[in-house]
Each structure stands twice: as C-alpha cells, then as structure tokens.
PDB file of N, CA and C in Angstrom:
ATOM      1  N   MET A   1    -115.184 -16.724 288.363  1.00  0.00           N
ATOM      2  CA  MET A   1    -115.642 -15.929 287.339  1.00  0.00           C
ATOM      3  C   MET A   1    -116.358 -16.665 286.067  1.00  0.00           C
ATOM      4  N   LYS A   2    -116.520 -18.108 286.623  1.00  0.00           N
ATOM      5  CA  LYS A   2    -117.605 -19.536 285.532  1.00  0.00           C
ATOM      6  C   LYS A   2    -118.985 -19.354 285.336  1.00  0.00           C
ATOM      7  N   LYS A   3    -119.299 -18.564 286.996  1.00  0.00           N
ATOM      8  CA  LYS A   3    -120.595 -18.381 287.616  1.00  0.00           C
ATOM      9  C   LYS A   3    -121.455 -17.043 287.087  1.00  0.00           C
ATOM     10  N   GLN A   4    -120.007 -16.234 287.354  1.00  0.00           N
ATOM     11  CA  GLN A   4    -120.972 -15.125 286.265  1.00  0.00           C
ATOM     12  C   GLN A   4    -120.962 -15.525 284.415  1.00  0.00           C
ATOM     13  N   GLN A   5    -119.913 -15.841 283.867  1.00  0.00           N
ATOM     14  CA  GLN A   5    -119.977 -15.357 282.860  1.00  0.00           C
ATOM     15  C   GLN A   5    -121.250 -16.390 282.632  1.00  0.00           C
ATOM     16  N   ASP A   6    -121.757 -17.661 283.320  1.00  0.00           N
ATOM     17  CA  ASP A   6    -122.722 -18.315 282.987  1.00  0.00           C
ATOM     18  C   ASP A   6    -124.510 -17.251 283.496  1.00  0.00           C
ATOM     19  N   HIS A   7    -124.276 -16.736 284.188  1.00  0.00           N
ATOM     20  CA  HIS A   7    -125.520 -15.301 284.981  1.00  0.00           C
ATOM     21  C   HIS A   7    -125.855 -14.811 283.574  1.00  0.00           C
ATOM     22  N   TRP A   8    -124.473 -13.427 282.751  1.00  0.00           N
ATOM     23  CA  TRP A   8    -124.525 -13.089 281.907  1.00  0.00           C
ATOM     24  C   TRP A   8    -125.390 -13.802 281.083  1.00  0.00           C
ATOM     25  N   GLU A   9    -124.624 -14.945 280.925  1.00  0.00           N
ATOM     26  CA  GLU A   9    -124.910 -16.019 279.018  1.00  0.00           C
ATOM     27  C   GLU A   9    -126.233 -16.162 278.535  1.00  0.00           C
ATOM     28  N   LYS A  10    -127.093 -16.350 280.628  1.00  0.00           N
ATOM     29  CA  LYS A  10    -128.211 -16.608 280.603  1.00  0.00           C
ATOM     30  C   LYS A  10    -129.643 -15.396 279.766  1.00  0.00           C
ATOM     31  N   VAL A  11    -128.435 -14.427 281.009  1.00  0.00           N
ATOM     32  CA  VAL A  11    -129.979 -13.234 281.211  1.00  0.00           C
ATOM     33  C   VAL A  11    -129.854 -13.247 279.470  1.00  0.00           C
ATOM     34  N   TYR A  12    -129.075 -13.049 278.900  1.00  0.00           N
ATOM     35  CA  TYR A  12    -129.243 -12.183 276.973  1.00  0.00           C
ATOM     36  C   TYR A  12    -129.237 -13.642 276.249  1.00  0.00           C
ATOM     37  N   ARG A  13    -129.585 -15.061 276.821  1.00  0.00           N
ATOM     38  CA  ARG A  13    -130.337 -15.881 276.034  1.00  0.00           C
ATOM     39  C   ARG A  13    -131.684 -16.424 275.867  1.00  0.00           C
ATOM     40  N   SER A  14    -132.493 -15.790 277.849  1.00  0.00           N
ATOM     41  CA  SER A  14    -134.233 -15.293 277.240  1.00  0.00           C
ATOM     42  C   SER A  14    -134.424 -14.640 277.783  1.00  0.00           C
ATOM     43  N   LYS A  15    -133.888 -12.625 278.021  1.00  0.00           N
ATOM     44  CA  LYS A  15    -134.377 -11.979 277.513  1.00  0.00           C
ATOM     45  C   LYS A  15    -133.622 -11.140 276.640  1.00  0.00           C
ATOM     46  N   PRO A  16    -135.376 -10.531 275.524  1.00  0.00           N
ATOM     47  CA  PRO A  16    -134.719  -9.592 274.566  1.00  0.00           C
ATOM     48  C   PRO A  16    -133.783  -8.055 275.458  1.00  0.00           C
ATOM     49  N   SER A  17    -132.927  -7.904 274.471  1.00  0.00           N
ATOM     50  CA  SER A  17    -132.060  -6.802 275.490  1.00  0.00           C
ATOM     51  C   SER A  17    -133.185  -5.755 276.191  1.00  0.00           C
ATOM     52  N   GLU A  18    -134.367  -4.811 275.181  1.00  0.00           N
ATOM     53  CA  GLU A  18    -134.000  -3.963 275.841  1.00  0.00           C
ATOM     54  C   GLU A  18    -135.064  -4.393 276.341  1.00  0.00           C
ATOM     55  N   THR A  19    -135.765  -5.889 277.246  1.00  0.00           N
ATOM     56  CA  THR A  19    -136.301  -6.336 278.039  1.00  0.00           C
ATOM     57  C   THR A  19    -135.706  -5.607 279.512  1.00  0.00           C
ATOM     58  N   VAL A  20    -134.516  -5.940 279.979  1.00  0.00           N
ATOM     59  CA  VAL A  20    -134.455  -5.717 280.796  1.00  0.00           C
ATOM     60  C   VAL A  20    -133.678  -4.586 281.750  1.00  0.00           C
ATOM     61  N   SER A  21    -133.989  -4.221 282.709  1.00  0.00           N
ATOM     62  CA  SER A  21    -133.607  -3.128 283.612  1.00  0.00           C
ATOM     63  C   SER A  21    -132.955  -1.697 282.793  1.00  0.00           C
ATOM     64  N   TRP A  22    -131.842  -2.243 282.557  1.00  0.00           N
ATOM     65  CA  TRP A  22    -131.108  -1.448 282.426  1.00  0.00           C
ATOM     66  C   TRP A  22    -130.631  -0.480 280.965  1.00  0.00           C
ATOM     67  N   PHE A  23    -132.052  -1.021 280.639  1.00  0.00           N
ATOM     68  CA  PHE A  23    -131.458  -1.206 278.669  1.00  0.00           C
ATOM     69  C   PHE A  23    -132.146   0.503 278.800  1.00  0.00           C
ATOM     70  N   GLN A  24    -131.303   1.339 277.302  1.00  0.00           N
ATOM     71  CA  GLN A  24    -131.791   1.967 277.309  1.00  0.00           C
ATOM     72  C   GLN A  24    -131.474   2.696 276.129  1.00  0.00           C
ATOM     73  N   GLU A  25    -132.841   3.263 274.910  1.00  0.00           N
ATOM     74  CA  GLU A  25    -133.081   3.420 274.168  1.00  0.00           C
ATOM     75  C   GLU A  25    -131.768   3.786 273.311  1.00  0.00           C
ATOM     76  N   HIS A  26    -131.286   4.866 274.260  1.00  0.00           N
ATOM     77  CA  HIS A  26    -130.131   5.059 273.271  1.00  0.00           C
ATOM     78  C   HIS A  26    -129.201   6.301 274.768  1.00  0.00           C
ATOM     79  N   ALA A  27    -127.703   5.975 274.872  1.00  0.00           N
ATOM     80  CA  ALA A  27    -126.996   5.815 276.165  1.00  0.00           C
ATOM     81  C   ALA A  27    -126.846   7.695 275.864  1.00  0.00           C
ATOM     82  N   THR A  28    -127.464   8.028 275.708  1.00  0.00           N
ATOM     83  CA  THR A  28    -127.335   9.789 275.631  1.00  0.00           C
ATOM     84  C   THR A  28    -126.541  10.769 277.133  1.00  0.00           C
ATOM     85  N   ARG A  29    -126.557   9.950 278.063  1.00  0.00           N
ATOM     86  CA  ARG A  29    -125.809  10.964 278.780  1.00  0.00           C
ATOM     87  C   ARG A  29    -124.319  10.111 278.733  1.00  0.00           C
ATOM     88  N   SER A  30    -124.133   9.126 277.870  1.00  0.00           N
ATOM     89  CA  SER A  30    -122.169   8.816 277.741  1.00  0.00           C
ATOM     90  C   SER A  30    -121.867   9.416 276.682  1.00  0.00           C
ATOM     91  N   LEU A  31    -122.631   9.544 275.748  1.00  0.00           N
ATOM     92  CA  LEU A  31    -122.216   9.357 274.119  1.00  0.00           C
ATOM     93  C   LEU A  31    -122.596  11.565 274.670  1.00  0.00           C
ATOM     94  N   ALA A  32    -122.731  12.052 275.474  1.00  0.00           N
ATOM     95  CA  ALA A  32    -122.347  13.701 276.473  1.00  0.00           C
ATOM     96  C   ALA A  32    -121.420  13.663 276.588  1.00  0.00           C
ATOM     97  N   MET A  33    -121.297  12.467 277.894  1.00  0.00           N
ATOM     98  CA  MET A  33    -119.849  12.568 278.351  1.00  0.00           C
ATOM     99  C   MET A  33    -118.699  12.657 277.067  1.00  0.00           C
ATOM    100  N   ILE A  34    -118.408  11.449 276.476  1.00  0.00           N
ATOM    101  CA  ILE A  34    -117.694  11.160 275.479  1.00  0.00           C
ATOM    102  C   ILE A  34    -116.533  12.881 274.418  1.00  0.00           C
ATOM    103  N   ARG A  35    -118.493  12.791 273.988  1.00  0.00           N
ATOM    104  CA  ARG A  35    -118.235  14.136 273.060  1.00  0.00           C
ATOM    105  C   ARG A  35    -117.005  15.111 274.168  1.00  0.00           C
ATOM    106  N   SER A  36    -118.221  15.575 275.022  1.00  0.00           N
ATOM    107  CA  SER A  36    -117.663  16.382 276.243  1.00  0.00           C
ATOM    108  C   SER A  36    -116.293  16.717 276.468  1.00  0.00           C
ATOM    109  N   ILE A  37    -115.355  15.700 276.474  1.00  0.00           N
ATOM    110  CA  ILE A  37    -114.229  15.563 276.857  1.00  0.00           C
ATOM    111  C   ILE A  37    -112.849  15.997 275.391  1.00  0.00           C
ATOM    112  N   GLY A  38    -114.408  16.186 274.274  1.00  0.00           N
ATOM    113  CA  GLY A  38    -113.313  16.599 272.815  1.00  0.00           C
ATOM    114  C   GLY A  38    -112.457  15.335 272.038  1.00  0.00           C
ATOM    115  N   ALA A  39    -113.982  14.317 272.464  1.00  0.00           N
ATOM    116  CA  ALA A  39    -113.243  13.174 271.935  1.00  0.00           C
ATOM    117  C   ALA A  39    -114.044  12.514 270.112  1.00  0.00           C
ATOM    118  N   THR A  40    -112.689  12.802 268.947  1.00  0.00           N
ATOM    119  CA  THR A  40    -112.957  12.733 267.805  1.00  0.00           C
ATOM    120  C   THR A  40    -112.822  11.900 266.963  1.00  0.00           C
ATOM    121  N   SER A  41    -113.544  11.951 265.823  1.00  0.00           N
ATOM    122  CA  SER A  41    -113.890  10.586 265.085  1.00  0.00           C
ATOM    123  C   SER A  41    -112.828   9.402 265.242  1.00  0.00           C
ATOM    124  N   ASP A  42    -111.485   9.156 265.353  1.00  0.00           N
ATOM    125  CA  ASP A  42    -109.678   9.314 265.407  1.00  0.00           C
ATOM    126  C   ASP A  42    -110.006   8.399 266.746  1.00  0.00           C
ATOM    127  N   THR A  43    -110.569   9.562 267.973  1.00  0.00           N
ATOM    128  CA  THR A  43    -110.540   8.948 269.450  1.00  0.00           C
ATOM    129  C   THR A  43    -110.931   7.188 269.440  1.00  0.00           C
ATOM    130  N   GLN A  44    -109.815   6.689 270.231  1.00  0.00           N
ATOM    131  CA  GLN A  44    -110.263   4.787 270.381  1.00  0.00           C
ATOM    132  C   GLN A  44    -110.887   4.977 272.080  1.00  0.00           C
ATOM    133  N   ILE A  45    -112.088   4.426 271.148  1.00  0.00           N
ATOM    134  CA  ILE A  45    -112.979   4.227 272.603  1.00  0.00           C
ATOM    135  C   ILE A  45    -113.211   2.728 273.081  1.00  0.00           C
ATOM    136  N   ILE A  46    -113.252   2.562 274.565  1.00  0.00           N
ATOM    137  CA  ILE A  46    -113.570   0.807 274.617  1.00  0.00           C
ATOM    138  C   ILE A  46    -115.426   1.437 275.361  1.00  0.00           C
ATOM    139  N   ASP A  47    -115.688  -0.105 275.337  1.00  0.00           N
ATOM    140  CA  ASP A  47    -116.687   0.053 275.781  1.00  0.00           C
ATOM    141  C   ASP A  47    -116.508  -1.254 276.663  1.00  0.00           C
ATOM    142  N   VAL A  48    -116.583  -0.989 278.565  1.00  0.00           N
ATOM    143  CA  VAL A  48    -116.369  -2.130 279.361  1.00  0.00           C
ATOM    144  C   VAL A  48    -117.549  -2.901 279.580  1.00  0.00           C
ATOM    145  N   GLY A  49    -118.063  -4.094 279.524  1.00  0.00           N
ATOM    146  CA  GLY A  49    -119.086  -4.746 279.608  1.00  0.00           C
ATOM    147  C   GLY A  49    -120.057  -3.969 279.271  1.00  0.00           C
ATOM    148  N   GLY A  50    -120.050  -3.755 278.156  1.00  0.00           N
ATOM    149  CA  GLY A  50    -120.780  -2.687 277.023  1.00  0.00           C
ATOM    150  C   GLY A  50    -122.058  -4.030 276.483  1.00  0.00           C
ATOM    151  N   GLY A  51    -122.328  -5.287 277.390  1.00  0.00           N
ATOM    152  CA  GLY A  51    -122.927  -6.136 277.147  1.00  0.00           C
ATOM    153  C   GLY A  51    -123.958  -5.772 275.481  1.00  0.00           C
ATOM    154  N   ALA A  52    -125.317  -5.663 275.091  1.00  0.00           N
ATOM    155  CA  ALA A  52    -126.431  -5.471 274.190  1.00  0.00           C
ATOM    156  C   ALA A  52    -126.442  -3.676 274.545  1.00  0.00           C
ATOM    157  N   SER A  53    -125.891  -3.169 274.848  1.00  0.00           N
ATOM    158  CA  SER A  53    -126.110  -1.787 275.027  1.00  0.00           C
ATOM    159  C   SER A  53    -126.105  -1.033 273.681  1.00  0.00           C
ATOM    160  N   THR A  54    -126.441   0.049 273.803  1.00  0.00           N
ATOM    161  CA  THR A  54    -127.314   0.736 272.220  1.00  0.00           C
ATOM    162  C   THR A  54    -125.819   1.813 271.844  1.00  0.00           C
ATOM    163  N   LEU A  55    -125.008   1.607 273.524  1.00  0.00           N
ATOM    164  CA  LEU A  55    -123.871   3.013 272.967  1.00  0.00           C
ATOM    165  C   LEU A  55    -123.325   3.147 271.661  1.00  0.00           C
ATOM    166  N   VAL A  56    -123.133   1.466 271.124  1.00  0.00           N
ATOM    167  CA  VAL A  56    -121.378   1.156 270.068  1.00  0.00           C
ATOM    168  C   VAL A  56    -122.876   2.039 269.002  1.00  0.00           C
ATOM    169  N   ASP A  57    -124.231   1.572 268.722  1.00  0.00           N
ATOM    170  CA  ASP A  57    -125.042   2.089 267.766  1.00  0.00           C
ATOM    171  C   ASP A  57    -124.777   3.953 267.310  1.00  0.00           C
ATOM    172  N   ASP A  58    -124.357   4.258 268.910  1.00  0.00           N
ATOM    173  CA  ASP A  58    -124.564   6.305 268.918  1.00  0.00           C
ATOM    174  C   ASP A  58    -123.596   5.703 268.589  1.00  0.00           C
ATOM    175  N   LEU A  59    -122.943   5.733 269.245  1.00  0.00           N
ATOM    176  CA  LEU A  59    -120.884   5.939 268.125  1.00  0.00           C
ATOM    177  C   LEU A  59    -120.801   5.827 267.394  1.00  0.00           C
ATOM    178  N   LEU A  60    -121.466   4.733 266.434  1.00  0.00           N
ATOM    179  CA  LEU A  60    -121.256   4.846 264.996  1.00  0.00           C
ATOM    180  C   LEU A  60    -122.274   5.915 263.981  1.00  0.00           C
ATOM    181  N   THR A  61    -122.836   6.275 264.937  1.00  0.00           N
ATOM    182  CA  THR A  61    -123.861   7.298 264.054  1.00  0.00           C
ATOM    183  C   THR A  61    -123.351   8.606 264.264  1.00  0.00           C
ATOM    184  N   SER A  62    -122.620   8.425 264.924  1.00  0.00           N
ATOM    185  CA  SER A  62    -122.229  10.389 265.764  1.00  0.00           C
ATOM    186  C   SER A  62    -120.752  10.332 264.814  1.00  0.00           C
ATOM    187  N   GLY A  63    -120.068   9.151 264.410  1.00  0.00           N
ATOM    188  CA  GLY A  63    -118.913   9.078 263.316  1.00  0.00           C
ATOM    189  C   GLY A  63    -117.683   8.673 264.244  1.00  0.00           C
ATOM    190  N   TYR A  64    -117.444   8.070 265.439  1.00  0.00           N
ATOM    191  CA  TYR A  64    -116.205   7.665 265.831  1.00  0.00           C
ATOM    192  C   TYR A  64    -116.115   6.147 264.758  1.00  0.00           C
ATOM    193  N   ILE A  65    -114.341   5.819 264.905  1.00  0.00           N
ATOM    194  CA  ILE A  65    -114.859   4.452 264.389  1.00  0.00           C
ATOM    195  C   ILE A  65    -113.066   3.907 264.627  1.00  0.00           C
ATOM    196  N   HIS A  66    -112.913   3.771 265.538  1.00  0.00           N
ATOM    197  CA  HIS A  66    -112.433   3.395 266.159  1.00  0.00           C
ATOM    198  C   HIS A  66    -112.778   2.497 268.153  1.00  0.00           C
ATOM    199  N   ILE A  67    -114.107   1.681 267.767  1.00  0.00           N
ATOM    200  CA  ILE A  67    -114.089   1.268 269.291  1.00  0.00           C
ATOM    201  C   ILE A  67    -114.283  -0.298 269.056  1.00  0.00           C
ATOM    202  N   SER A  68    -113.946   0.155 270.742  1.00  0.00           N
ATOM    203  CA  SER A  68    -114.156  -1.768 270.828  1.00  0.00           C
ATOM    204  C   SER A  68    -114.675  -1.885 271.844  1.00  0.00           C
ATOM    205  N   VAL A  69    -115.502  -3.344 271.623  1.00  0.00           N
ATOM    206  CA  VAL A  69    -116.957  -3.775 273.214  1.00  0.00           C
ATOM    207  C   VAL A  69    -116.145  -5.260 273.787  1.00  0.00           C
ATOM    208  N   LEU A  70    -116.083  -4.889 274.912  1.00  0.00           N
ATOM    209  CA  LEU A  70    -116.193  -5.637 275.853  1.00  0.00           C
ATOM    210  C   LEU A  70    -117.090  -6.433 276.577  1.00  0.00           C
ATOM    211  N   ASP A  71    -117.416  -7.298 276.410  1.00  0.00           N
ATOM    212  CA  ASP A  71    -118.170  -7.802 277.468  1.00  0.00           C
ATOM    213  C   ASP A  71    -117.984  -9.907 277.672  1.00  0.00           C
ATOM    214  N   LEU A  72    -118.348  -9.933 279.269  1.00  0.00           N
ATOM    215  CA  LEU A  72    -118.497 -11.028 279.572  1.00  0.00           C
ATOM    216  C   LEU A  72    -119.348 -12.165 278.632  1.00  0.00           C
ATOM    217  N   SER A  73    -120.191 -11.738 278.388  1.00  0.00           N
ATOM    218  CA  SER A  73    -120.983 -12.675 278.199  1.00  0.00           C
ATOM    219  C   SER A  73    -120.878 -12.816 276.263  1.00  0.00           C
ATOM    220  N   GLU A  74    -120.487 -13.686 275.121  1.00  0.00           N
ATOM    221  CA  GLU A  74    -120.658 -13.824 274.076  1.00  0.00           C
ATOM    222  C   GLU A  74    -121.947 -13.212 273.594  1.00  0.00           C
ATOM    223  N   SER A  75    -123.319 -13.579 274.784  1.00  0.00           N
ATOM    224  CA  SER A  75    -124.620 -14.190 273.286  1.00  0.00           C
ATOM    225  C   SER A  75    -124.562 -12.707 273.343  1.00  0.00           C
ATOM    226  N   ALA A  76    -124.560 -11.816 274.479  1.00  0.00           N
ATOM    227  CA  ALA A  76    -124.682 -10.297 274.824  1.00  0.00           C
ATOM    228  C   ALA A  76    -124.272  -9.607 273.367  1.00  0.00           C
ATOM    229  N   LEU A  77    -122.591  -9.728 272.741  1.00  0.00           N
ATOM    230  CA  LEU A  77    -122.090  -8.911 271.961  1.00  0.00           C
ATOM    231  C   LEU A  77    -122.976  -9.902 270.607  1.00  0.00           C
ATOM    232  N   GLU A  78    -123.440 -11.464 270.599  1.00  0.00           N
ATOM    233  CA  GLU A  78    -123.635 -11.782 269.543  1.00  0.00           C
ATOM    234  C   GLU A  78    -125.317 -10.212 269.440  1.00  0.00           C
ATOM    235  N   VAL A  79    -126.069  -9.919 270.136  1.00  0.00           N
ATOM    236  CA  VAL A  79    -127.002  -9.655 270.420  1.00  0.00           C
ATOM    237  C   VAL A  79    -126.969  -7.625 269.525  1.00  0.00           C
ATOM    238  N   VAL A  80    -125.753  -7.664 269.549  1.00  0.00           N
ATOM    239  CA  VAL A  80    -125.186  -5.848 269.099  1.00  0.00           C
ATOM    240  C   VAL A  80    -124.867  -6.691 268.128  1.00  0.00           C
ATOM    241  N   ARG A  81    -124.013  -6.944 267.486  1.00  0.00           N
ATOM    242  CA  ARG A  81    -123.453  -7.885 266.169  1.00  0.00           C
ATOM    243  C   ARG A  81    -124.952  -7.705 265.363  1.00  0.00           C
ATOM    244  N   ALA A  82    -126.156  -8.936 266.142  1.00  0.00           N
ATOM    245  CA  ALA A  82    -126.815  -9.387 264.746  1.00  0.00           C
ATOM    246  C   ALA A  82    -127.918  -7.437 264.928  1.00  0.00           C
ATOM    247  N   ARG A  83    -128.121  -7.114 266.011  1.00  0.00           N
ATOM    248  CA  ARG A  83    -128.649  -5.624 265.566  1.00  0.00           C
ATOM    249  C   ARG A  83    -127.537  -4.588 264.284  1.00  0.00           C
ATOM    250  N   LEU A  84    -126.552  -4.689 264.234  1.00  0.00           N
ATOM    251  CA  LEU A  84    -125.592  -3.740 263.360  1.00  0.00           C
ATOM    252  C   LEU A  84    -125.660  -4.381 262.198  1.00  0.00           C
ATOM    253  N   GLY A  85    -125.448  -5.170 262.293  1.00  0.00           N
ATOM    254  CA  GLY A  85    -125.918  -5.320 260.772  1.00  0.00           C
ATOM    255  C   GLY A  85    -124.426  -5.132 260.231  1.00  0.00           C
ATOM    256  N   PRO A  86    -123.973  -5.049 258.748  1.00  0.00           N
ATOM    257  CA  PRO A  86    -122.861  -4.992 258.764  1.00  0.00           C
ATOM    258  C   PRO A  86    -121.712  -3.949 258.817  1.00  0.00           C
ATOM    259  N   LEU A  87    -122.795  -3.408 259.346  1.00  0.00           N
ATOM    260  CA  LEU A  87    -121.662  -2.367 260.564  1.00  0.00           C
ATOM    261  C   LEU A  87    -120.732  -3.189 261.957  1.00  0.00           C
ATOM    262  N   ASN A  88    -120.966  -3.799 261.876  1.00  0.00           N
ATOM    263  CA  ASN A  88    -120.839  -5.077 263.070  1.00  0.00           C
ATOM    264  C   ASN A  88    -119.237  -5.447 263.088  1.00  0.00           C
ATOM    265  N   GLN A  89    -118.400  -4.693 261.550  1.00  0.00           N
ATOM    266  CA  GLN A  89    -117.993  -5.002 261.469  1.00  0.00           C
ATOM    267  C   GLN A  89    -116.989  -4.598 261.248  1.00  0.00           C
ATOM    268  N   ASN A  90    -116.736  -2.901 261.444  1.00  0.00           N
ATOM    269  CA  ASN A  90    -116.076  -2.386 262.284  1.00  0.00           C
ATOM    270  C   ASN A  90    -115.853  -2.014 263.880  1.00  0.00           C
ATOM    271  N   ILE A  91    -115.507  -3.137 264.093  1.00  0.00           N
ATOM    272  CA  ILE A  91    -116.496  -2.497 266.071  1.00  0.00           C
ATOM    273  C   ILE A  91    -115.078  -3.928 265.985  1.00  0.00           C
ATOM    274  N   THR A  92    -114.271  -4.253 267.680  1.00  0.00           N
ATOM    275  CA  THR A  92    -113.292  -4.834 267.886  1.00  0.00           C
ATOM    276  C   THR A  92    -114.739  -5.419 268.860  1.00  0.00           C
ATOM    277  N   TRP A  93    -114.840  -6.728 268.933  1.00  0.00           N
ATOM    278  CA  TRP A  93    -115.617  -7.208 269.324  1.00  0.00           C
ATOM    279  C   TRP A  93    -114.147  -8.456 270.806  1.00  0.00           C
ATOM    280  N   MET A  94    -114.787  -8.239 271.736  1.00  0.00           N
ATOM    281  CA  MET A  94    -114.192  -8.693 272.706  1.00  0.00           C
ATOM    282  C   MET A  94    -115.091  -9.080 274.211  1.00  0.00           C
ATOM    283  N   ALA A  95    -115.276 -11.037 273.977  1.00  0.00           N
ATOM    284  CA  ALA A  95    -115.590 -11.403 275.250  1.00  0.00           C
ATOM    285  C   ALA A  95    -114.524 -12.691 275.964  1.00  0.00           C
ATOM    286  N   GLY A  96    -114.726 -11.609 277.211  1.00  0.00           N
ATOM    287  CA  GLY A  96    -113.837 -11.811 278.269  1.00  0.00           C
ATOM    288  C   GLY A  96    -114.410 -10.959 279.908  1.00  0.00           C
ATOM    289  N   ASP A  97    -113.698 -11.605 280.917  1.00  0.00           N
ATOM    290  CA  ASP A  97    -113.824 -10.862 282.146  1.00  0.00           C
ATOM    291  C   ASP A  97    -112.223  -9.454 282.349  1.00  0.00           C
ATOM    292  N   ILE A  98    -113.052  -8.523 282.100  1.00  0.00           N
ATOM    293  CA  ILE A  98    -112.212  -7.161 282.539  1.00  0.00           C
ATOM    294  C   ILE A  98    -110.728  -7.857 283.219  1.00  0.00           C
ATOM    295  N   ARG A  99    -111.052  -8.069 284.276  1.00  0.00           N
ATOM    296  CA  ARG A  99    -109.757  -8.511 285.261  1.00  0.00           C
ATOM    297  C   ARG A  99    -108.680  -9.607 284.605  1.00  0.00           C
ATOM    298  N   THR A 100    -109.473  -9.336 283.753  1.00  0.00           N
ATOM    299  CA  THR A 100    -108.200 -11.402 283.013  1.00  0.00           C
ATOM    300  C   THR A 100    -107.897 -10.849 281.820  1.00  0.00           C
ATOM    301  N   VAL A 101    -108.921 -10.199 280.583  1.00  0.00           N
ATOM    302  CA  VAL A 101    -108.607 -10.199 279.401  1.00  0.00           C
ATOM    303  C   VAL A 101    -106.725  -8.926 278.484  1.00  0.00           C
ATOM    304  N   ASP A 102    -106.278  -9.997 278.232  1.00  0.00           N
ATOM    305  CA  ASP A 102    -105.437  -9.040 277.505  1.00  0.00           C
ATOM    306  C   ASP A 102    -105.401  -7.796 276.393  1.00  0.00           C
ATOM    307  N   LEU A 103    -105.257  -6.682 277.018  1.00  0.00           N
ATOM    308  CA  LEU A 103    -105.723  -5.302 276.342  1.00  0.00           C
ATOM    309  C   LEU A 103    -104.454  -4.717 276.219  1.00  0.00           C
ATOM    310  N   PRO A 104    -104.649  -5.186 274.670  1.00  0.00           N
ATOM    311  CA  PRO A 104    -103.404  -3.975 273.652  1.00  0.00           C
ATOM    312  C   PRO A 104    -102.723  -2.735 275.476  1.00  0.00           C
ATOM    313  N   ALA A 105    -101.571  -2.616 274.697  1.00  0.00           N
ATOM    314  CA  ALA A 105    -100.617  -1.697 276.404  1.00  0.00           C
ATOM    315  C   ALA A 105    -101.343   0.149 275.279  1.00  0.00           C
ATOM    316  N   LEU A 106    -101.284   0.565 276.053  1.00  0.00           N
ATOM    317  CA  LEU A 106    -101.736   2.131 276.001  1.00  0.00           C
ATOM    318  C   LEU A 106    -102.403   2.549 274.159  1.00  0.00           C
ATOM    319  N   THR A 107    -103.755   1.622 274.405  1.00  0.00           N
ATOM    320  CA  THR A 107    -104.719   1.379 272.738  1.00  0.00           C
ATOM    321  C   THR A 107    -105.781   2.380 273.629  1.00  0.00           C
ATOM    322  N   TYR A 108    -106.289   3.082 273.854  1.00  0.00           N
ATOM    323  CA  TYR A 108    -107.255   3.487 274.385  1.00  0.00           C
ATOM    324  C   TYR A 108    -107.215   5.090 275.021  1.00  0.00           C
ATOM    325  N   ASP A 109    -108.399   6.102 273.763  1.00  0.00           N
ATOM    326  CA  ASP A 109    -108.029   6.942 274.570  1.00  0.00           C
ATOM    327  C   ASP A 109    -109.343   7.391 275.982  1.00  0.00           C
ATOM    328  N   VAL A 110    -110.581   6.174 275.380  1.00  0.00           N
ATOM    329  CA  VAL A 110    -111.752   6.850 276.565  1.00  0.00           C
ATOM    330  C   VAL A 110    -112.145   5.286 276.358  1.00  0.00           C
ATOM    331  N   TRP A 111    -112.367   5.038 277.835  1.00  0.00           N
ATOM    332  CA  TRP A 111    -112.390   3.677 278.725  1.00  0.00           C
ATOM    333  C   TRP A 111    -113.780   4.450 278.810  1.00  0.00           C
ATOM    334  N   HIS A 112    -115.172   3.548 278.923  1.00  0.00           N
ATOM    335  CA  HIS A 112    -116.469   3.066 279.489  1.00  0.00           C
ATOM    336  C   HIS A 112    -117.358   2.805 280.079  1.00  0.00           C
ATOM    337  N   ASP A 113    -117.736   2.614 281.315  1.00  0.00           N
ATOM    338  CA  ASP A 113    -118.343   2.029 281.583  1.00  0.00           C
ATOM    339  C   ASP A 113    -120.216   2.176 282.782  1.00  0.00           C
ATOM    340  N   ARG A 114    -120.081   1.737 282.489  1.00  0.00           N
ATOM    341  CA  ARG A 114    -121.492   1.951 283.429  1.00  0.00           C
ATOM    342  C   ARG A 114    -121.932   1.287 284.623  1.00  0.00           C
ATOM    343  N   ALA A 115    -121.242  -0.074 284.517  1.00  0.00           N
ATOM    344  CA  ALA A 115    -121.854   0.151 286.087  1.00  0.00           C
ATOM    345  C   ALA A 115    -120.633  -1.536 285.583  1.00  0.00           C
ATOM    346  N   VAL A 116    -120.320  -1.999 285.214  1.00  0.00           N
ATOM    347  CA  VAL A 116    -118.885  -2.924 285.091  1.00  0.00           C
ATOM    348  C   VAL A 116    -118.903  -2.820 286.269  1.00  0.00           C
ATOM    349  N   PHE A 117    -118.025  -2.811 286.996  1.00  0.00           N
ATOM    350  CA  PHE A 117    -118.003  -2.647 288.661  1.00  0.00           C
ATOM    351  C   PHE A 117    -118.870  -2.911 289.212  1.00  0.00           C
ATOM    352  N   HIS A 118    -119.562  -2.626 289.551  1.00  0.00           N
ATOM    353  CA  HIS A 118    -120.636  -2.632 290.438  1.00  0.00           C
ATOM    354  C   HIS A 118    -121.451  -3.721 290.477  1.00  0.00           C
ATOM    355  N   PHE A 119    -121.374  -5.548 288.866  1.00  0.00           N
ATOM    356  CA  PHE A 119    -121.795  -5.633 289.178  1.00  0.00           C
ATOM    357  C   PHE A 119    -120.695  -7.237 289.501  1.00  0.00           C
TER     358      PHE A 119
END
C-alpha cells in the first residue's frame, strides 16, 4: 500500500488537479446516476477514491448533505478541502485504503467510485 500511496501523493503534490487526464470539470454522469436511483438530500453517499474530483462540489450544490469522501492520498483530499473552503466542514473526509479502512457498518446508501479498483 505504501508504494501506491506514495505514487498518488506525488501526483497530487506535483500537478494541478485540473491537468490530470481523468479530470472532469463536473461529474455529470455520476451525478445523473445518483439522481436516477432516487437519492434524496438525506441519502448517505460515499465517494471512494474521490481524489480531487468535483463530484463532491456537485453533490453539495445539488443539496446532498451526508457526503463522505475516501482517498488513499491525503494531498488529494487537501486539494478539495481548499477548493470548497468553509463548505468542506460539512463533508466526512477519510484518508486510507478502501481494502483496509474501517468504515462504519450499514452507513452508506450510495457507493460511488469512478475507477478506484481499476487503479
């Protein structure tokens, strides 16, 4: 895990998040899928491998209030916290590996990941 974590820390420390090949200005498709299942503002959502994704921004803008973001890279999460400013206090942030992190049981209604297991 340390090797993977070091890799992603380096990526998010050395490149602006909007310059990486997987950057999306808005996570339109993901947001549409979350909406299509009938998610309400009270739905518990986790974005696994969220990195510096703008999905959390779009979820907040859409009125969702129970959002968690998990990523291996603390640097990636810091990018998003800085981008959101004071709104970041409404998010549960977790730095860790999804394979070993201790998530609360029966907490999430929606699990989103855009390619975390791909990497």
